[in-house]
Amino acid sequence: MKLYLLAVFILIQSFAFATITPEQYIELYKDDAIKEMYEYGVPASITLAQGMLESNYGNSILAQQANNHFGIKCHSDWTGATYHMDDDSKNECFRKYNDVLESYRDHSVFLKTRSRYAALFALKITDYQGWAAGLKAAGYATNPKYPQLLTNMIERYGLQQYDTSANVMAGVHEVLLSKNFVKYVNSNGSNLDSIAKEFQISLRQLYKYNDRNDTMAIGLNEPVYLQPKRRKGTTDIYVVALHDSYWSISQKFAIQLKHLYKKNHIVPGSDPVVGETLYLRKRKR
């Protein structure tokens, strides 16, 4: 019996300390890195290389204990779970996630919503060298060799191939016409930058046409208007449903958000109430 228990213990320990190889890491998370690229515009090669480097291919204590693959610390705005360990200083606070995918999403949001990384999103999605240098310049890491470490990782494992996956998978977008006679495409998982380039529209104009800003994530099957939306809808009224926002309603009916606000005397930035009646054609008196 003792020998049996010892054998079981050894077997459990062998699984507990099994290491993930670089190739296994790539296979496990490349699709998630590509998905983040679609939705947030961070090159898949950069996401994978940072994850591999910061987590030692998913084998670090922080990755194993806290599902944190990017070494992101708590910061003052973090309200989630935490994990403490020695790093640059003793007992530093790191973000703890429920799973690895949550770590990947937080990495995208972290880069997208902080102004110091804004310049990176003006680079081409395939410019991994520029991203690597920009991350260091913006203060993501203190190691002076950080850009070189990232680019070496990318080139060694051919991670740059995943930066062009969006174009291969999404293909050419079909131009559609809304009921309000405004041209649009379904996002099909692409980011706004790739759509803007495909139709030779400036990214700034595409944001304006869709009442968006650069911090808003794009859905996998969201309408993206290629020209200005209308001042009014094709129907008179709309009753607000669960999960609606004024922005989503303006997208649904191809109405400019400012005119939806004006017709209904809405304070910009406020939230609709389920059951509320909105006027889409005539201004509310």
Protein backbone atom coordinates (compact mmCIF):
# COMPACT_ATOMS: atom_id res chain seq x y z
CA MET A 1 0.00 0.00 0.00
CA LYS A 2 2.82 2.37 0.87
CA LEU A 3 4.54 1.63 -2.43
CA TYR A 4 1.27 2.35 -4.29
CA LEU A 5 0.84 5.70 -2.53
CA LEU A 6 4.45 6.59 -3.24
CA ALA A 7 3.97 5.81 -6.93
CA VAL A 8 0.83 7.99 -7.06
CA PHE A 9 2.67 10.83 -5.33
CA ILE A 10 5.56 10.63 -7.80
CA LEU A 11 3.08 10.62 -10.72
CA ILE A 12 1.28 13.71 -9.39
CA GLN A 13 4.56 15.51 -8.82
CA SER A 14 5.72 14.74 -12.35
CA PHE A 15 2.56 16.36 -13.77
CA ALA A 16 2.79 19.30 -11.37
CA PHE A 17 6.31 20.14 -12.52
CA ALA A 18 5.85 19.30 -16.22
CA THR A 19 7.15 22.20 -18.27
CA ILE A 20 5.47 23.78 -21.28
CA THR A 21 7.72 24.03 -24.34
CA PRO A 22 7.76 27.15 -26.56
CA GLU A 23 6.07 25.19 -29.35
CA GLN A 24 3.33 24.00 -27.00
CA TYR A 25 2.79 27.54 -25.71
CA ILE A 26 2.36 28.87 -29.25
CA GLU A 27 -0.11 26.13 -30.12
CA LEU A 28 -2.09 26.76 -26.93
CA TYR A 29 -2.43 30.54 -27.26
CA LYS A 30 -1.86 31.65 -30.88
CA ASP A 31 -5.59 31.74 -31.67
CA ASP A 32 -6.21 33.88 -28.58
CA ALA A 33 -3.42 36.27 -29.59
CA ILE A 34 -4.97 36.58 -33.07
CA LYS A 35 -8.39 37.24 -31.54
CA GLU A 36 -6.93 40.02 -29.40
CA MET A 37 -5.32 41.48 -32.52
CA TYR A 38 -8.72 41.55 -34.25
CA GLU A 39 -10.44 43.28 -31.36
CA TYR A 40 -7.76 45.60 -29.95
CA GLY A 41 -5.10 46.04 -32.62
CA VAL A 42 -2.13 44.60 -30.72
CA PRO A 43 -0.03 42.46 -33.12
CA ALA A 44 -0.43 38.76 -32.35
CA SER A 45 3.35 38.33 -32.57
CA ILE A 46 3.90 40.93 -29.84
CA THR A 47 1.24 39.42 -27.56
CA LEU A 48 2.69 35.93 -27.96
CA ALA A 49 6.31 37.06 -27.57
CA GLN A 50 5.52 39.07 -24.44
CA GLY A 51 3.53 36.18 -22.98
CA MET A 52 6.33 33.73 -23.70
CA LEU A 53 9.03 36.03 -22.34
CA GLU A 54 7.22 37.34 -19.26
CA SER A 55 5.83 33.95 -18.18
CA ASN A 56 8.75 31.72 -19.22
CA TYR A 57 6.37 29.96 -21.65
CA GLY A 58 3.69 29.68 -18.98
CA ASN A 59 6.03 28.00 -16.48
CA SER A 60 6.74 30.90 -14.10
CA ILE A 61 5.34 30.94 -10.57
CA LEU A 62 3.24 34.00 -11.44
CA ALA A 63 1.74 32.24 -14.47
CA GLN A 64 1.11 29.01 -12.58
CA GLN A 65 -0.28 30.58 -9.41
CA ALA A 66 -2.03 33.69 -10.76
CA ASN A 67 -2.59 33.00 -14.49
CA ASN A 68 -0.63 36.23 -15.08
CA HIS A 69 1.33 35.81 -18.33
CA PHE A 70 2.39 39.45 -18.83
CA GLY A 71 3.78 40.47 -15.45
CA ILE A 72 1.18 43.21 -15.06
CA LYS A 73 1.22 44.66 -11.56
CA CYS A 74 -1.82 45.84 -9.61
CA HIS A 75 -1.63 49.64 -10.04
CA SER A 76 -4.12 51.94 -8.33
CA ASP A 77 -7.03 51.18 -10.68
CA TRP A 78 -6.98 47.39 -10.18
CA THR A 79 -9.95 46.04 -8.18
CA GLY A 80 -9.57 42.33 -8.94
CA ALA A 81 -7.77 39.50 -7.15
CA THR A 82 -4.08 39.91 -6.32
CA TYR A 83 -0.95 37.81 -5.90
CA HIS A 84 2.11 38.98 -3.95
CA MET A 85 5.70 37.98 -4.65
CA ASP A 86 9.17 39.48 -4.67
CA ASP A 87 10.18 41.19 -7.91
CA ASP A 88 11.98 44.54 -8.23
CA SER A 89 10.93 45.05 -4.61
CA LYS A 90 9.80 42.66 -1.90
CA ASN A 91 6.20 41.44 -1.77
CA GLU A 92 5.02 43.32 -4.85
CA CYS A 93 1.37 43.19 -5.90
CA PHE A 94 0.50 41.48 -9.19
CA ARG A 95 -2.87 41.00 -10.85
CA LYS A 96 -4.42 37.55 -10.47
CA TYR A 97 -6.81 36.13 -13.08
CA ASN A 98 -9.37 33.34 -13.19
CA ASP A 99 -7.77 31.91 -16.34
CA VAL A 100 -5.08 32.65 -18.92
CA LEU A 101 -7.55 34.12 -21.43
CA GLU A 102 -8.51 36.75 -18.86
CA SER A 103 -4.82 37.64 -18.65
CA TYR A 104 -4.62 37.99 -22.45
CA ARG A 105 -7.67 40.28 -22.54
CA ASP A 106 -6.36 42.45 -19.69
CA HIS A 107 -3.04 42.79 -21.52
CA SER A 108 -4.88 44.15 -24.59
CA VAL A 109 -7.00 46.54 -22.52
CA PHE A 110 -3.95 47.65 -20.52
CA LEU A 111 -2.11 48.72 -23.68
CA LYS A 112 -5.15 50.15 -25.44
CA THR A 113 -6.42 52.35 -22.62
CA ARG A 114 -3.16 53.92 -21.41
CA SER A 115 -2.13 57.08 -23.22
CA ARG A 116 1.58 56.30 -23.01
CA TYR A 117 1.06 53.40 -25.44
CA ALA A 118 -1.19 55.35 -27.85
CA ALA A 119 1.59 55.95 -30.41
CA LEU A 120 2.01 52.21 -30.88
CA PHE A 121 -1.46 51.88 -32.42
CA ALA A 122 -0.46 54.24 -35.24
CA LEU A 123 2.14 51.65 -36.38
CA LYS A 124 1.39 49.01 -38.99
CA ILE A 125 0.09 45.76 -37.52
CA THR A 126 3.09 44.00 -39.11
CA ASP A 127 5.71 46.35 -37.63
CA TYR A 128 6.71 44.14 -34.71
CA GLN A 129 10.14 45.82 -34.48
CA GLY A 130 8.47 49.20 -33.98
CA TRP A 131 6.12 47.75 -31.37
CA ALA A 132 8.99 46.12 -29.50
CA ALA A 133 10.96 49.37 -29.39
CA GLY A 134 7.84 51.37 -28.51
CA LEU A 135 6.95 49.17 -25.56
CA LYS A 136 10.38 49.74 -24.05
CA ALA A 137 10.24 53.49 -24.75
CA ALA A 138 6.80 53.71 -23.10
CA GLY A 139 8.13 52.01 -19.96
CA TYR A 140 6.62 48.53 -20.19
CA ALA A 141 9.95 46.96 -19.13
CA THR A 142 13.18 48.23 -17.55
CA ASN A 143 15.52 45.79 -19.32
CA PRO A 144 17.44 47.80 -21.96
CA LYS A 145 17.53 44.70 -24.16
CA TYR A 146 13.73 44.22 -24.03
CA PRO A 147 13.12 45.14 -27.72
CA GLN A 148 15.86 42.76 -28.84
CA LEU A 149 14.52 39.97 -26.63
CA LEU A 150 11.04 40.37 -28.14
CA THR A 151 12.19 40.55 -31.76
CA ASN A 152 14.50 37.56 -31.27
CA MET A 153 11.58 35.58 -29.84
CA ILE A 154 9.34 36.56 -32.74
CA GLU A 155 11.87 35.72 -35.43
CA ARG A 156 13.09 32.52 -33.80
CA TYR A 157 9.59 31.03 -33.70
CA GLY A 158 8.14 32.77 -36.76
CA LEU A 159 5.47 34.56 -34.74
CA GLN A 160 5.19 37.34 -37.34
CA GLN A 161 3.15 34.98 -39.53
CA TYR A 162 0.21 35.47 -37.18
CA ASP A 163 0.15 39.24 -37.77
CA THR A 164 -1.21 38.66 -41.29
CA SER A 165 -3.79 36.07 -40.20
CA ALA A 166 -6.50 38.75 -39.99
CA ASN A 167 -6.28 39.43 -43.70
CA VAL A 168 -6.19 35.76 -44.61
CA MET A 169 -9.09 34.74 -42.37
CA ALA A 170 -11.36 37.73 -42.77
CA GLY A 171 -10.93 38.14 -46.53
CA VAL A 172 -12.40 41.02 -48.49
CA HIS A 173 -15.40 42.59 -46.77
CA GLU A 174 -18.69 42.69 -48.64
CA VAL A 175 -20.19 46.17 -48.76
CA LEU A 176 -23.81 46.20 -47.60
CA LEU A 177 -26.51 48.87 -47.46
CA SER A 178 -28.45 49.55 -44.28
CA LYS A 179 -32.21 50.17 -44.24
CA ASN A 180 -31.25 53.79 -43.78
CA PHE A 181 -29.21 53.66 -47.02
CA VAL A 182 -25.78 53.92 -45.42
CA LYS A 183 -22.94 51.72 -46.70
CA TYR A 184 -21.40 49.37 -44.12
CA VAL A 185 -19.50 46.11 -43.67
CA ASN A 186 -19.67 43.47 -40.97
CA SER A 187 -16.44 43.55 -38.99
CA ASN A 188 -15.93 39.76 -39.28
CA GLY A 189 -13.34 39.92 -36.51
CA SER A 190 -11.18 42.55 -38.23
CA ASN A 191 -9.96 45.67 -36.47
CA LEU A 192 -10.87 49.15 -37.67
CA ASP A 193 -7.34 49.82 -38.89
CA SER A 194 -7.48 46.96 -41.42
CA ILE A 195 -10.96 48.01 -42.59
CA ALA A 196 -9.82 51.61 -43.01
CA LYS A 197 -6.87 50.47 -45.14
CA GLU A 198 -9.02 48.10 -47.20
CA PHE A 199 -11.42 50.90 -48.17
CA GLN A 200 -8.80 53.68 -48.20
CA ILE A 201 -10.56 55.66 -45.49
CA SER A 202 -8.60 57.38 -42.77
CA LEU A 203 -8.91 55.71 -39.39
CA ARG A 204 -9.99 59.05 -37.93
CA GLN A 205 -12.89 59.27 -40.40
CA LEU A 206 -13.95 55.69 -39.68
CA TYR A 207 -14.09 56.51 -35.97
CA LYS A 208 -16.20 59.58 -36.77
CA TYR A 209 -18.60 57.70 -39.07
CA ASN A 210 -19.23 55.15 -36.31
CA ASP A 211 -19.30 57.49 -33.28
CA ARG A 212 -16.38 55.55 -31.82
CA ASN A 213 -13.16 56.28 -29.99
CA ASP A 214 -9.94 54.26 -29.86
CA THR A 215 -10.73 52.72 -26.46
CA MET A 216 -13.89 50.93 -27.64
CA ALA A 217 -13.48 47.22 -28.44
CA ILE A 218 -14.99 46.11 -31.74
CA GLY A 219 -17.32 43.10 -31.72
CA LEU A 220 -16.78 40.02 -33.88
CA ASN A 221 -19.80 40.76 -36.10
CA GLU A 222 -20.42 44.46 -35.69
CA PRO A 223 -21.59 46.86 -38.44
CA VAL A 224 -18.90 49.33 -39.46
CA TYR A 225 -20.22 52.28 -41.48
CA LEU A 226 -18.12 53.49 -44.39
CA GLN A 227 -19.88 56.84 -44.72
CA PRO A 228 -21.69 59.23 -42.38
CA LYS A 229 -24.83 57.93 -40.70
CA ARG A 230 -28.14 59.78 -41.20
CA ARG A 231 -29.77 62.49 -39.11
CA LYS A 232 -32.93 60.40 -38.66
CA GLY A 233 -34.13 56.80 -38.87
CA THR A 234 -36.56 54.98 -41.13
CA THR A 235 -39.00 54.29 -38.28
CA ASP A 236 -40.61 56.78 -35.90
CA ILE A 237 -39.82 55.27 -32.50
CA TYR A 238 -37.81 52.58 -30.75
CA VAL A 239 -38.36 51.06 -27.31
CA VAL A 240 -35.14 50.47 -25.40
CA ALA A 241 -34.39 46.79 -24.73
CA LEU A 242 -32.11 45.07 -22.20
CA HIS A 243 -28.36 45.64 -22.86
CA ASP A 244 -29.04 48.56 -25.25
CA SER A 245 -26.91 51.67 -25.09
CA TYR A 246 -27.60 54.91 -26.93
CA TRP A 247 -24.52 54.18 -29.04
CA SER A 248 -25.67 50.66 -29.97
CA ILE A 249 -29.09 52.04 -30.93
CA SER A 250 -27.46 54.70 -33.10
CA GLN A 251 -25.46 51.94 -34.84
CA LYS A 252 -28.49 49.69 -35.23
CA PHE A 253 -30.50 52.36 -37.04
CA ALA A 254 -27.57 54.15 -38.72
CA ILE A 255 -28.39 57.44 -36.96
CA GLN A 256 -25.69 59.84 -35.85
CA LEU A 257 -25.43 59.68 -32.08
CA LYS A 258 -25.54 63.46 -31.65
CA HIS A 259 -28.88 63.60 -33.53
CA LEU A 260 -30.31 60.75 -31.45
CA TYR A 261 -29.36 62.77 -28.36
CA LYS A 262 -30.86 65.97 -29.80
CA LYS A 263 -34.17 64.42 -30.86
CA ASN A 264 -34.71 62.99 -27.37
CA HIS A 265 -33.17 65.72 -25.18
CA ILE A 266 -30.58 63.25 -23.88
CA VAL A 267 -27.55 64.29 -21.86
CA PRO A 268 -24.49 62.83 -23.72
CA GLY A 269 -22.87 59.99 -21.79
CA SER A 270 -26.03 58.97 -19.92
CA ASP A 271 -27.52 55.47 -20.05
CA PRO A 272 -30.94 54.52 -21.44
CA VAL A 273 -33.68 52.93 -19.35
CA VAL A 274 -35.26 49.65 -20.45
CA GLY A 275 -38.73 50.42 -21.80
CA GLU A 276 -37.86 54.04 -22.63
CA THR A 277 -39.34 55.28 -25.92
CA LEU A 278 -36.89 57.00 -28.26
CA TYR A 279 -37.84 59.16 -31.21
CA LEU A 280 -35.85 58.32 -34.34
CA ARG A 281 -37.41 60.65 -36.92
CA LYS A 282 -39.11 63.60 -35.28
CA ARG A 283 -37.65 65.58 -32.42
CA LYS A 284 -39.30 65.05 -29.04
CA ARG A 285 -41.22 68.18 -27.94
